[in-house]
Amino acid sequence: MARYACARSLALFAASMVPFVSGSVGWLLAVAWSMIIVQGLDAVVGMTIKDKMKTFGPAGTALLNLAAVIWLIQST
């Protein structure tokens, strides 16, 4: 399971580097939405297994990412 999570995280990290090279706002939004979805699902898994750290950590990160997406959309 840890290898799966690491592979997923590395893939999202690599995808998140593209906007820095290309300057594409659309790509940045796509990666941000992907992160929100993944972390939201991680929070659901945390709730399912009744682990507070695996629920509130990803949920908090998803909410911060959502706030950043809203801020980005409003600024463009």
N, C-alpha and C. Protein backbone atom coordinates (compact mmCIF):
# COMPACT_ATOMS: atom_id res chain seq x y z
N MET A 1 0.82 -1.19 0.00
CA MET A 1 0.00 0.00 0.00
C MET A 1 0.87 1.26 0.00
N ALA A 2 1.96 1.23 0.74
CA ALA A 2 2.84 2.40 0.79
C ALA A 2 3.47 2.67 -0.57
N ARG A 3 3.80 1.63 -1.30
CA ARG A 3 4.38 1.80 -2.64
C ARG A 3 3.36 2.44 -3.58
N TYR A 4 2.11 2.03 -3.46
CA TYR A 4 1.06 2.61 -4.28
C TYR A 4 0.93 4.10 -3.99
N ALA A 5 0.87 4.45 -2.72
CA ALA A 5 0.73 5.86 -2.34
C ALA A 5 1.94 6.67 -2.80
N CYS A 6 3.11 6.10 -2.69
CA CYS A 6 4.33 6.79 -3.13
C CYS A 6 4.30 7.00 -4.64
N ALA A 7 3.92 5.97 -5.40
CA ALA A 7 3.86 6.09 -6.85
C ALA A 7 2.84 7.15 -7.26
N ARG A 8 1.70 7.17 -6.61
CA ARG A 8 0.67 8.17 -6.91
C ARG A 8 1.18 9.57 -6.60
N SER A 9 1.84 9.71 -5.46
CA SER A 9 2.35 11.01 -5.07
C SER A 9 3.44 11.49 -6.03
N LEU A 10 4.31 10.60 -6.44
CA LEU A 10 5.36 10.99 -7.37
C LEU A 10 4.79 11.39 -8.73
N ALA A 11 3.76 10.68 -9.17
CA ALA A 11 3.13 11.03 -10.45
C ALA A 11 2.48 12.42 -10.38
N LEU A 12 1.78 12.70 -9.29
CA LEU A 12 1.16 14.01 -9.14
C LEU A 12 2.22 15.11 -8.97
N PHE A 13 3.31 14.79 -8.31
CA PHE A 13 4.40 15.76 -8.18
C PHE A 13 4.99 16.09 -9.55
N ALA A 14 5.23 15.06 -10.35
CA ALA A 14 5.79 15.28 -11.69
C ALA A 14 4.82 16.11 -12.53
N ALA A 15 3.53 15.81 -12.45
CA ALA A 15 2.54 16.58 -13.21
C ALA A 15 2.47 18.02 -12.73
N SER A 16 2.70 18.24 -11.45
CA SER A 16 2.61 19.60 -10.91
C SER A 16 3.80 20.46 -11.29
N MET A 17 4.85 19.86 -11.80
CA MET A 17 6.02 20.64 -12.25
C MET A 17 5.80 21.24 -13.64
N VAL A 18 4.89 20.67 -14.42
CA VAL A 18 4.65 21.15 -15.79
C VAL A 18 4.25 22.63 -15.83
N PRO A 19 3.34 23.11 -14.97
CA PRO A 19 2.97 24.53 -15.04
C PRO A 19 4.14 25.48 -14.79
N PHE A 20 5.13 25.05 -14.01
CA PHE A 20 6.28 25.91 -13.77
C PHE A 20 7.11 26.07 -15.03
N VAL A 21 7.14 25.04 -15.87
CA VAL A 21 7.90 25.08 -17.11
C VAL A 21 7.09 25.75 -18.22
N SER A 22 5.82 25.40 -18.32
CA SER A 22 5.01 25.88 -19.44
C SER A 22 4.23 27.16 -19.13
N GLY A 23 3.97 27.43 -17.87
CA GLY A 23 3.16 28.59 -17.49
C GLY A 23 1.68 28.41 -17.77
N SER A 24 1.24 27.17 -17.93
CA SER A 24 -0.15 26.88 -18.27
C SER A 24 -1.05 26.89 -17.04
N VAL A 25 -1.98 27.84 -17.01
CA VAL A 25 -2.94 27.92 -15.91
C VAL A 25 -3.91 26.74 -15.97
N GLY A 26 -4.29 26.34 -17.18
CA GLY A 26 -5.20 25.21 -17.34
C GLY A 26 -4.61 23.93 -16.77
N TRP A 27 -3.33 23.70 -17.04
CA TRP A 27 -2.65 22.51 -16.51
C TRP A 27 -2.59 22.58 -14.99
N LEU A 28 -2.29 23.76 -14.46
CA LEU A 28 -2.23 23.94 -13.01
C LEU A 28 -3.58 23.63 -12.37
N LEU A 29 -4.66 24.09 -12.98
CA LEU A 29 -5.99 23.80 -12.45
C LEU A 29 -6.30 22.30 -12.50
N ALA A 30 -5.90 21.66 -13.59
CA ALA A 30 -6.15 20.22 -13.71
C ALA A 30 -5.41 19.44 -12.63
N VAL A 31 -4.17 19.78 -12.38
CA VAL A 31 -3.39 19.10 -11.35
C VAL A 31 -3.97 19.40 -9.97
N ALA A 32 -4.38 20.64 -9.74
CA ALA A 32 -4.96 21.00 -8.44
C ALA A 32 -6.25 20.23 -8.19
N TRP A 33 -7.12 20.14 -9.20
CA TRP A 33 -8.35 19.37 -9.03
C TRP A 33 -8.05 17.90 -8.79
N SER A 34 -7.03 17.38 -9.45
CA SER A 34 -6.63 15.98 -9.22
C SER A 34 -6.20 15.78 -7.77
N MET A 35 -5.42 16.71 -7.26
CA MET A 35 -4.98 16.62 -5.86
C MET A 35 -6.17 16.69 -4.90
N ILE A 36 -7.11 17.56 -5.18
CA ILE A 36 -8.29 17.69 -4.32
C ILE A 36 -9.07 16.38 -4.30
N ILE A 37 -9.26 15.79 -5.46
CA ILE A 37 -10.00 14.53 -5.55
C ILE A 37 -9.28 13.41 -4.81
N VAL A 38 -7.98 13.28 -5.05
CA VAL A 38 -7.20 12.21 -4.40
C VAL A 38 -7.23 12.38 -2.89
N GLN A 39 -7.01 13.59 -2.41
CA GLN A 39 -6.97 13.78 -0.97
C GLN A 39 -8.36 13.68 -0.34
N GLY A 40 -9.39 14.07 -1.08
CA GLY A 40 -10.74 13.86 -0.59
C GLY A 40 -11.06 12.38 -0.44
N LEU A 41 -10.63 11.59 -1.42
CA LEU A 41 -10.84 10.14 -1.33
C LEU A 41 -10.00 9.53 -0.21
N ASP A 42 -8.79 10.06 0.00
CA ASP A 42 -7.98 9.59 1.13
C ASP A 42 -8.70 9.85 2.46
N ALA A 43 -9.36 11.00 2.56
CA ALA A 43 -10.12 11.32 3.78
C ALA A 43 -11.28 10.36 3.96
N VAL A 44 -11.94 9.99 2.86
CA VAL A 44 -13.04 9.01 2.95
C VAL A 44 -12.52 7.67 3.44
N VAL A 45 -11.36 7.26 2.93
CA VAL A 45 -10.74 6.01 3.40
C VAL A 45 -10.43 6.11 4.88
N GLY A 46 -9.89 7.26 5.31
CA GLY A 46 -9.60 7.46 6.72
C GLY A 46 -10.83 7.36 7.59
N MET A 47 -11.95 7.91 7.11
CA MET A 47 -13.20 7.78 7.86
C MET A 47 -13.66 6.34 7.92
N THR A 48 -13.49 5.63 6.82
CA THR A 48 -13.93 4.24 6.75
C THR A 48 -13.19 3.37 7.76
N ILE A 49 -11.88 3.62 7.89
CA ILE A 49 -11.10 2.81 8.83
C ILE A 49 -11.04 3.43 10.23
N LYS A 50 -11.77 4.54 10.40
CA LYS A 50 -11.88 5.23 11.69
C LYS A 50 -10.53 5.66 12.26
N ASP A 51 -9.72 6.26 11.39
CA ASP A 51 -8.41 6.79 11.77
C ASP A 51 -8.45 8.31 11.60
N LYS A 52 -8.41 9.03 12.72
CA LYS A 52 -8.54 10.49 12.68
C LYS A 52 -7.42 11.16 11.89
N MET A 53 -6.19 10.68 12.03
CA MET A 53 -5.07 11.28 11.31
C MET A 53 -5.22 11.10 9.80
N LYS A 54 -5.71 9.94 9.39
CA LYS A 54 -5.89 9.67 7.96
C LYS A 54 -7.17 10.27 7.42
N THR A 55 -7.97 10.86 8.30
CA THR A 55 -9.18 11.55 7.88
C THR A 55 -8.93 13.05 7.82
N PHE A 56 -8.50 13.63 8.93
CA PHE A 56 -8.38 15.09 9.01
C PHE A 56 -7.18 15.65 8.26
N GLY A 57 -6.08 14.91 8.18
CA GLY A 57 -4.91 15.38 7.43
C GLY A 57 -5.24 15.59 5.96
N PRO A 58 -5.68 14.53 5.27
CA PRO A 58 -6.03 14.70 3.86
C PRO A 58 -7.21 15.66 3.64
N ALA A 59 -8.19 15.64 4.54
CA ALA A 59 -9.34 16.54 4.38
C ALA A 59 -8.89 18.00 4.49
N GLY A 60 -8.02 18.28 5.44
CA GLY A 60 -7.50 19.64 5.59
C GLY A 60 -6.70 20.08 4.38
N THR A 61 -5.88 19.19 3.86
CA THR A 61 -5.08 19.51 2.68
C THR A 61 -5.99 19.72 1.47
N ALA A 62 -7.01 18.89 1.33
CA ALA A 62 -7.96 19.06 0.22
C ALA A 62 -8.66 20.41 0.31
N LEU A 63 -9.04 20.82 1.51
CA LEU A 63 -9.71 22.11 1.68
C LEU A 63 -8.78 23.28 1.36
N LEU A 64 -7.51 23.16 1.77
CA LEU A 64 -6.54 24.21 1.43
C LEU A 64 -6.31 24.28 -0.07
N ASN A 65 -6.23 23.13 -0.72
CA ASN A 65 -6.09 23.11 -2.18
C ASN A 65 -7.31 23.72 -2.85
N LEU A 66 -8.49 23.41 -2.33
CA LEU A 66 -9.73 23.98 -2.89
C LEU A 66 -9.72 25.50 -2.75
N ALA A 67 -9.29 26.00 -1.60
CA ALA A 67 -9.21 27.45 -1.40
C ALA A 67 -8.22 28.06 -2.39
N ALA A 68 -7.10 27.39 -2.64
CA ALA A 68 -6.13 27.91 -3.60
C ALA A 68 -6.69 27.91 -5.02
N VAL A 69 -7.47 26.89 -5.38
CA VAL A 69 -8.09 26.83 -6.71
C VAL A 69 -9.10 27.97 -6.86
N ILE A 70 -9.90 28.19 -5.85
CA ILE A 70 -10.88 29.28 -5.90
C ILE A 70 -10.16 30.62 -6.05
N TRP A 71 -9.09 30.80 -5.31
CA TRP A 71 -8.30 32.02 -5.38
C TRP A 71 -7.72 32.19 -6.79
N LEU A 72 -7.19 31.12 -7.37
CA LEU A 72 -6.62 31.17 -8.71
C LEU A 72 -7.69 31.53 -9.75
N ILE A 73 -8.85 30.90 -9.63
CA ILE A 73 -9.94 31.16 -10.59
C ILE A 73 -10.39 32.62 -10.50
N GLN A 74 -10.49 33.14 -9.28
CA GLN A 74 -10.93 34.53 -9.12
C GLN A 74 -9.88 35.53 -9.59
N SER A 75 -8.61 35.15 -9.55
CA SER A 75 -7.56 36.09 -9.94
C SER A 75 -7.31 36.11 -11.45
N THR A 76 -7.88 35.15 -12.18
CA THR A 76 -7.66 35.14 -13.62
C THR A 76 -8.81 35.75 -14.37
